[in-house]
Amino acid sequence: MKDSTGMHRELLKLLHEAEGQSTRVVVVFLDVRGFSSFAGIAESTDTAEFLKTVYLKIIDEFFPDAQFFKPTGDGLLILLDYNRNTLEKVVRSAVDRSLRLVETFGSLCDGDEMINFDVPTKLGIGLARGSATALTTRKKALDYSGRPLNLASRLMDLARPSGIVFDQRFGFNLLDPEVQKRFKEETAYIKGLAESKPMTIFCLDDYTEIPEFNKRPLDGFVRHLEPKQTLSFKTLEERGSFRHPVKLPPARTDNIELHIEYPKVKADGRRHASVGYIDTLPATFGTAAGESYALVSYANQVAAMKALGVRSDWQVSIVLEYSVLPEDEEAFQAS
């Protein structure tokens, strides 16, 4: 087994020799639904064992002929090459195998004695195809990039609570008629790809419901501010990472922010009576026990405030901000 230094040097050598090559690929992007909540309560060794098990089963039993695959945290990127002669076969195969995987994912770990704990049972899959660039050396693909990878990732995010989503250019007409009946046609607005004009997509019926915020232009939301909270800097120090309740349904979960306001420290170490600072931290959306929250890590912010001389007994204010539908904000203001 090579040590990490040897692997690092080998990768550097391969990168120096690598070149970009154009190729056509079917992209299968998988995401384990509910993994964040699972990882929040499970031991890290258990989450690692679960991911290892499902990755191996997906690759060995569903996509053994894949030209490339790469773990993506709580998901998996799989690429299948195609050309004019193999297009229909590869598209049909990708959909058929994705269907079987979505339907059986909940039992994928059955019989594995190492998995003696509850695990996520739902999977979301995004499919796309087109030209991509392969970073290759010595006939080995190191990585891929291109529009179909980005599109498959975005479509995967729509496949909730589970299921399969692909766009109109993937090849619905290439599928077997019986398979076609399992998909419903929808339109959706997608960040970075179809923000003002909707994209036609196909979703696995009875599994996938397109989120409401993807059913209208993505510039049609308003920013909601949760009521300001005041607390001591000492309390902030003790929090580390903290789950802030999210009271309204977020229209987008990728731009939640937390604003921190705190006093300016004067040259003599005292706080300024009227001048302060406002810093903004990113937040990660999550759900647990049916409740929504924004997870914020305070470690770096606390360190920076300490370096400025902010004292433990000084008061700071925090405000959570996120995008919501206009009607939800109107109802909130009227309540």
Protein backbone atom coordinates (compact mmCIF):
# COMPACT_ATOMS: atom_id res chain seq x y z
CA MET A 1 0.00 0.00 0.00
CA LYS A 2 1.41 3.38 -1.02
CA ASP A 3 1.85 6.04 1.62
CA SER A 4 0.16 9.43 1.21
CA THR A 5 3.44 11.10 0.16
CA GLY A 6 3.95 8.60 -2.65
CA MET A 7 0.36 9.02 -3.84
CA HIS A 8 0.75 12.79 -3.73
CA ARG A 9 3.88 12.67 -5.87
CA GLU A 10 2.30 10.28 -8.35
CA LEU A 11 -0.73 12.55 -8.72
CA LEU A 12 1.50 15.57 -9.31
CA LYS A 13 3.37 13.66 -12.02
CA LEU A 14 0.13 12.61 -13.67
CA LEU A 15 -1.21 16.18 -13.57
CA HIS A 16 1.92 17.48 -15.29
CA GLU A 17 1.32 15.02 -18.12
CA ALA A 18 -2.46 15.44 -18.28
CA GLU A 19 -4.33 16.85 -21.26
CA GLY A 20 -7.95 17.75 -21.87
CA GLN A 21 -9.88 15.49 -24.23
CA SER A 22 -13.43 15.99 -25.43
CA THR A 23 -15.83 13.09 -25.02
CA ARG A 24 -19.55 12.41 -24.85
CA VAL A 25 -20.91 11.09 -21.58
CA VAL A 26 -24.10 10.13 -19.82
CA VAL A 27 -23.83 11.54 -16.30
CA VAL A 28 -25.47 9.78 -13.36
CA PHE A 29 -25.33 11.94 -10.23
CA LEU A 30 -26.52 10.28 -7.01
CA ASP A 31 -27.30 11.80 -3.62
CA VAL A 32 -28.26 10.00 -0.41
CA ARG A 33 -31.29 11.81 0.99
CA GLY A 34 -31.30 12.47 4.73
CA PHE A 35 -27.56 11.87 5.06
CA SER A 36 -26.89 15.15 6.91
CA SER A 37 -29.38 14.25 9.64
CA PHE A 38 -28.00 10.71 9.76
CA ALA A 39 -24.42 11.96 10.07
CA GLY A 40 -25.47 14.34 12.84
CA ILE A 41 -26.54 11.51 15.14
CA ALA A 42 -24.45 8.54 13.97
CA GLU A 43 -20.86 7.78 14.88
CA SER A 44 -18.38 8.85 12.20
CA THR A 45 -17.18 5.26 11.79
CA ASP A 46 -20.77 4.17 11.11
CA THR A 47 -21.33 6.85 8.47
CA ALA A 48 -18.08 5.86 6.78
CA GLU A 49 -19.04 2.17 6.85
CA PHE A 50 -22.46 2.97 5.36
CA LEU A 51 -21.01 5.06 2.53
CA LYS A 52 -18.36 2.46 1.74
CA THR A 53 -21.00 -0.26 1.57
CA VAL A 54 -23.43 1.61 -0.68
CA TYR A 55 -20.67 2.92 -2.97
CA LEU A 56 -19.31 -0.58 -3.53
CA LYS A 57 -22.76 -2.05 -4.15
CA ILE A 58 -23.77 0.72 -6.55
CA ILE A 59 -20.57 0.39 -8.56
CA ASP A 60 -20.31 -3.42 -8.51
CA GLU A 61 -23.99 -4.32 -8.90
CA PHE A 62 -25.45 -1.43 -10.89
CA PHE A 63 -22.68 0.34 -12.85
CA PRO A 64 -19.74 -2.10 -13.19
CA ASP A 65 -19.06 -0.84 -16.73
CA ALA A 66 -18.77 2.85 -15.81
CA GLN A 67 -15.83 4.66 -17.37
CA PHE A 68 -15.42 6.93 -14.34
CA PHE A 69 -16.81 7.36 -10.85
CA LYS A 70 -16.05 9.69 -7.98
CA PRO A 71 -17.48 10.01 -4.44
CA THR A 72 -18.99 13.44 -3.77
CA GLY A 73 -19.38 13.43 0.01
CA ASP A 74 -22.81 11.86 0.48
CA GLY A 75 -23.23 10.96 -3.18
CA LEU A 76 -21.57 9.51 -6.21
CA LEU A 77 -20.73 10.76 -9.71
CA ILE A 78 -20.82 8.10 -12.43
CA LEU A 79 -19.98 8.59 -16.12
CA LEU A 80 -20.79 6.35 -19.08
CA ASP A 81 -19.30 7.02 -22.51
CA TYR A 82 -21.47 6.91 -25.64
CA ASN A 83 -21.28 7.55 -29.36
CA ARG A 84 -23.77 7.61 -32.23
CA ASN A 85 -23.96 3.82 -32.35
CA THR A 86 -24.35 3.28 -28.60
CA LEU A 87 -26.46 6.31 -27.63
CA GLU A 88 -29.83 4.57 -27.31
CA LYS A 89 -28.38 1.59 -25.48
CA VAL A 90 -26.49 3.73 -22.96
CA VAL A 91 -29.43 6.09 -22.29
CA ARG A 92 -31.85 3.21 -21.78
CA SER A 93 -29.39 1.35 -19.58
CA ALA A 94 -28.69 4.42 -17.41
CA VAL A 95 -32.41 4.98 -16.80
CA ASP A 96 -33.19 1.29 -16.20
CA ARG A 97 -30.37 0.92 -13.70
CA SER A 98 -31.28 4.18 -11.98
CA LEU A 99 -34.87 2.97 -11.62
CA ARG A 100 -33.75 -0.28 -10.08
CA LEU A 101 -31.38 1.54 -7.75
CA VAL A 102 -34.00 4.02 -6.51
CA GLU A 103 -36.47 1.20 -5.90
CA THR A 104 -34.05 -1.03 -4.00
CA PHE A 105 -31.84 1.52 -2.24
CA GLY A 106 -33.66 1.11 1.08
CA SER A 107 -32.63 -2.55 1.24
CA LEU A 108 -29.12 -2.16 -0.17
CA CYS A 109 -27.49 -2.80 3.23
CA ASP A 110 -29.75 -5.69 4.23
CA GLY A 111 -27.74 -8.70 5.33
CA ASP A 112 -24.57 -6.72 6.01
CA GLU A 113 -23.60 -7.55 9.59
CA MET A 114 -21.54 -4.36 9.86
CA ILE A 115 -24.65 -2.21 9.31
CA ASN A 116 -26.53 -2.82 12.58
CA PHE A 117 -27.90 0.73 12.79
CA ASP A 118 -30.60 2.72 11.00
CA VAL A 119 -29.45 4.24 7.71
CA PRO A 120 -30.95 6.56 5.07
CA THR A 121 -33.32 4.77 2.70
CA LYS A 122 -33.93 7.27 -0.11
CA LEU A 123 -31.88 8.30 -3.11
CA GLY A 124 -32.09 11.20 -5.56
CA ILE A 125 -30.63 10.86 -9.06
CA GLY A 126 -30.00 13.45 -11.77
CA LEU A 127 -29.27 12.34 -15.34
CA ALA A 128 -27.80 14.39 -18.19
CA ARG A 129 -25.76 13.79 -21.31
CA GLY A 130 -23.55 15.73 -23.69
CA SER A 131 -19.99 16.75 -24.39
CA ALA A 132 -17.56 16.97 -21.48
CA THR A 133 -13.84 17.42 -21.06
CA ALA A 134 -11.83 14.58 -19.59
CA LEU A 135 -8.52 15.37 -17.89
CA THR A 136 -6.53 12.34 -18.98
CA THR A 137 -3.02 10.96 -18.84
CA ARG A 138 -1.64 7.56 -19.87
CA LYS A 139 -5.17 6.66 -21.03
CA LYS A 140 -6.42 7.24 -17.48
CA ALA A 141 -9.15 9.80 -16.67
CA LEU A 142 -8.26 11.89 -13.62
CA ASP A 143 -11.38 14.04 -13.66
CA TYR A 144 -14.17 15.42 -15.84
CA SER A 145 -15.78 18.83 -16.28
CA GLY A 146 -18.48 20.35 -18.44
CA ARG A 147 -22.11 21.36 -18.68
CA PRO A 148 -23.67 17.87 -18.41
CA LEU A 149 -21.98 17.33 -15.03
CA ASN A 150 -23.29 20.62 -13.71
CA LEU A 151 -26.76 19.95 -15.15
CA ALA A 152 -26.96 16.46 -13.65
CA SER A 153 -26.00 17.90 -10.25
CA ARG A 154 -28.75 20.54 -10.46
CA LEU A 155 -31.33 18.00 -11.61
CA MET A 156 -30.33 15.65 -8.81
CA ASP A 157 -31.17 18.41 -6.35
CA LEU A 158 -34.72 18.47 -7.76
CA ALA A 159 -35.23 14.74 -7.22
CA ARG A 160 -36.85 15.09 -3.83
CA PRO A 161 -37.81 13.45 -1.60
CA SER A 162 -36.32 10.85 -3.93
CA GLY A 163 -36.47 9.65 -7.51
CA ILE A 164 -34.97 10.49 -10.89
CA VAL A 165 -34.93 13.72 -12.91
CA PHE A 166 -33.57 14.35 -16.42
CA ASP A 167 -34.04 17.18 -18.90
CA GLN A 168 -35.78 17.20 -22.30
CA ARG A 169 -32.49 16.79 -24.18
CA PHE A 170 -31.50 13.60 -22.38
CA GLY A 171 -33.53 11.37 -24.69
CA PHE A 172 -37.03 10.63 -23.39
CA ASN A 173 -38.01 9.40 -26.87
CA LEU A 174 -35.22 6.80 -26.72
CA LEU A 175 -36.77 5.02 -23.74
CA ASP A 176 -38.98 1.98 -23.86
CA PRO A 177 -42.69 3.01 -23.90
CA GLU A 178 -43.32 1.23 -20.60
CA VAL A 179 -40.47 3.15 -18.98
CA GLN A 180 -41.75 6.43 -20.46
CA LYS A 181 -45.06 5.90 -18.62
CA ARG A 182 -43.21 6.06 -15.31
CA PHE A 183 -42.12 9.66 -15.85
CA LYS A 184 -44.14 12.87 -15.80
CA GLU A 185 -43.24 16.01 -17.70
CA GLU A 186 -42.68 19.18 -15.64
CA THR A 187 -41.04 22.59 -15.93
CA ALA A 188 -38.61 24.01 -13.39
CA TYR A 189 -36.42 27.03 -12.82
CA ILE A 190 -32.85 26.01 -12.03
CA LYS A 191 -30.10 28.11 -10.50
CA GLY A 192 -27.40 29.05 -12.99
CA LEU A 193 -29.12 27.23 -15.86
CA ALA A 194 -32.74 28.36 -16.13
CA GLU A 195 -33.37 31.20 -13.70
CA SER A 196 -35.81 33.34 -15.72
CA LYS A 197 -37.13 30.84 -18.30
CA PRO A 198 -38.12 27.35 -17.10
CA MET A 199 -36.54 24.13 -18.33
CA THR A 200 -38.61 21.12 -19.37
CA ILE A 201 -37.74 18.09 -17.26
CA PHE A 202 -39.01 14.57 -16.65
CA CYS A 203 -39.49 13.24 -13.11
CA LEU A 204 -40.10 9.77 -11.75
CA ASP A 205 -43.81 9.69 -10.93
CA ASP A 206 -44.88 8.76 -7.38
CA TYR A 207 -41.36 9.48 -6.13
CA THR A 208 -40.47 13.06 -7.06
CA GLU A 209 -42.24 16.35 -6.37
CA ILE A 210 -40.56 19.47 -7.72
CA PRO A 211 -40.04 21.98 -4.86
CA GLU A 212 -42.30 25.01 -4.98
CA PHE A 213 -39.40 27.44 -5.20
CA ASN A 214 -38.34 25.82 -8.49
CA LYS A 215 -41.74 26.52 -10.02
CA ARG A 216 -41.24 30.27 -10.37
CA PRO A 217 -38.44 32.55 -11.59
CA LEU A 218 -35.54 32.47 -9.16
CA ASP A 219 -35.42 36.25 -8.97
CA GLY A 220 -38.99 36.34 -7.63
CA PHE A 221 -38.16 35.79 -3.96
CA VAL A 222 -37.84 38.21 -1.05
CA ARG A 223 -35.38 38.20 1.82
CA HIS A 224 -36.80 37.38 5.24
CA LEU A 225 -35.19 38.50 8.51
CA GLU A 226 -35.80 36.53 11.66
CA PRO A 227 -36.26 38.64 14.81
CA LYS A 228 -32.97 39.96 16.20
CA GLN A 229 -31.49 38.06 19.14
CA THR A 230 -29.19 39.63 21.73
CA LEU A 231 -26.75 37.54 23.72
CA SER A 232 -23.39 37.84 25.43
CA PHE A 233 -20.17 37.20 23.56
CA LYS A 234 -19.47 34.46 26.12
CA THR A 235 -22.60 32.63 24.97
CA LEU A 236 -21.44 32.96 21.37
CA GLU A 237 -18.05 31.52 22.35
CA GLU A 238 -19.70 28.51 23.94
CA ARG A 239 -21.84 27.70 20.93
CA GLY A 240 -19.20 26.47 18.50
CA SER A 241 -21.65 25.32 15.84
CA PHE A 242 -25.29 26.13 16.47
CA ARG A 243 -28.61 25.19 14.87
CA HIS A 244 -30.83 28.24 14.47
CA PRO A 245 -34.53 27.47 13.92
CA VAL A 246 -35.86 28.47 10.50
CA LYS A 247 -39.46 29.56 10.97
CA LEU A 248 -40.55 30.09 7.34
CA PRO A 249 -40.03 27.66 4.43
CA PRO A 250 -36.84 28.79 2.64
CA ALA A 251 -37.37 29.43 -1.07
CA ARG A 252 -33.68 28.76 -1.55
CA THR A 253 -31.35 26.88 0.77
CA ASP A 254 -28.07 27.99 -0.77
CA ASN A 255 -28.02 31.63 0.37
CA ILE A 256 -28.92 31.57 4.07
CA GLU A 257 -26.86 34.07 6.06
CA LEU A 258 -26.39 35.05 9.67
CA HIS A 259 -25.44 38.65 10.52
CA ILE A 260 -23.52 39.40 13.72
CA GLU A 261 -23.37 42.93 15.11
CA TYR A 262 -20.88 43.77 17.86
CA PRO A 263 -19.26 46.93 19.34
CA LYS A 264 -16.05 48.46 18.07
CA VAL A 265 -13.17 48.16 20.53
CA LYS A 266 -11.55 51.49 21.40
CA ALA A 267 -7.79 51.98 21.80
CA ASP A 268 -8.12 51.74 25.59
CA GLY A 269 -9.91 48.37 25.34
CA ARG A 270 -13.36 49.73 26.11
CA ARG A 271 -16.30 49.32 23.75
CA HIS A 272 -17.41 52.21 21.61
CA ALA A 273 -20.78 53.58 22.68
CA SER A 274 -22.23 54.02 19.18
CA VAL A 275 -19.92 52.44 16.59
CA GLY A 276 -19.90 48.75 15.81
CA TYR A 277 -19.27 46.13 13.16
CA ILE A 278 -21.55 43.78 11.25
CA ASP A 279 -20.10 40.53 9.92
CA THR A 280 -21.94 37.94 7.84
CA LEU A 281 -21.54 34.17 8.16
CA PRO A 282 -22.82 31.46 5.79
CA ALA A 283 -25.34 28.93 7.07
CA THR A 284 -26.15 25.39 5.98
CA PHE A 285 -29.79 24.35 5.79
CA GLY A 286 -30.91 21.12 7.40
CA THR A 287 -33.85 19.31 8.97
CA ALA A 288 -34.15 17.11 12.04
CA ALA A 289 -37.24 15.62 13.70
CA GLY A 290 -39.45 17.50 11.27
CA GLU A 291 -37.96 20.89 12.13
CA SER A 292 -35.89 23.12 9.82
CA TYR A 293 -32.70 24.81 10.96
CA ALA A 294 -29.71 26.81 9.74
CA LEU A 295 -26.39 25.42 10.97
CA VAL A 296 -23.79 28.12 11.65
CA SER A 297 -20.17 27.59 12.66
CA TYR A 298 -18.94 30.36 14.96
CA ALA A 299 -15.35 29.21 15.54
CA ASN A 300 -13.55 31.54 13.09
CA GLN A 301 -15.81 34.48 13.91
CA VAL A 302 -15.23 34.08 17.64
CA ALA A 303 -11.47 33.92 17.10
CA ALA A 304 -11.54 37.11 15.02
CA MET A 305 -13.64 38.97 17.60
CA LYS A 306 -11.33 37.84 20.39
CA ALA A 307 -8.35 39.16 18.46
CA LEU A 308 -10.08 42.55 18.24
CA GLY A 309 -10.52 42.61 22.01
CA VAL A 310 -14.26 41.90 22.35
CA ARG A 311 -14.96 40.90 25.94
CA SER A 312 -17.02 37.99 27.20
CA ASP A 313 -19.65 40.12 28.95
CA TRP A 314 -20.29 42.41 25.96
CA GLN A 315 -23.61 42.05 24.17
CA VAL A 316 -23.79 41.04 20.51
CA SER A 317 -26.78 40.74 18.19
CA ILE A 318 -27.51 38.08 15.58
CA VAL A 319 -30.06 38.05 12.74
CA LEU A 320 -30.80 35.14 10.41
CA GLU A 321 -31.65 36.07 6.81
CA TYR A 322 -32.89 33.87 3.95
CA SER A 323 -35.04 33.89 0.81
CA VAL A 324 -38.77 33.11 1.01
CA LEU A 325 -41.79 33.27 -1.25
CA PRO A 326 -43.47 36.72 -1.27
CA GLU A 327 -46.76 35.29 0.02
CA ASP A 328 -45.01 33.67 3.00
CA GLU A 329 -43.37 36.97 3.91
CA GLU A 330 -46.70 38.80 3.57
CA ALA A 331 -48.40 36.27 5.85
CA PHE A 332 -45.56 36.62 8.37
CA GLN A 333 -45.82 40.42 8.39
CA ALA A 334 -49.60 40.25 8.82
CA SER A 335 -49.44 37.84 11.75
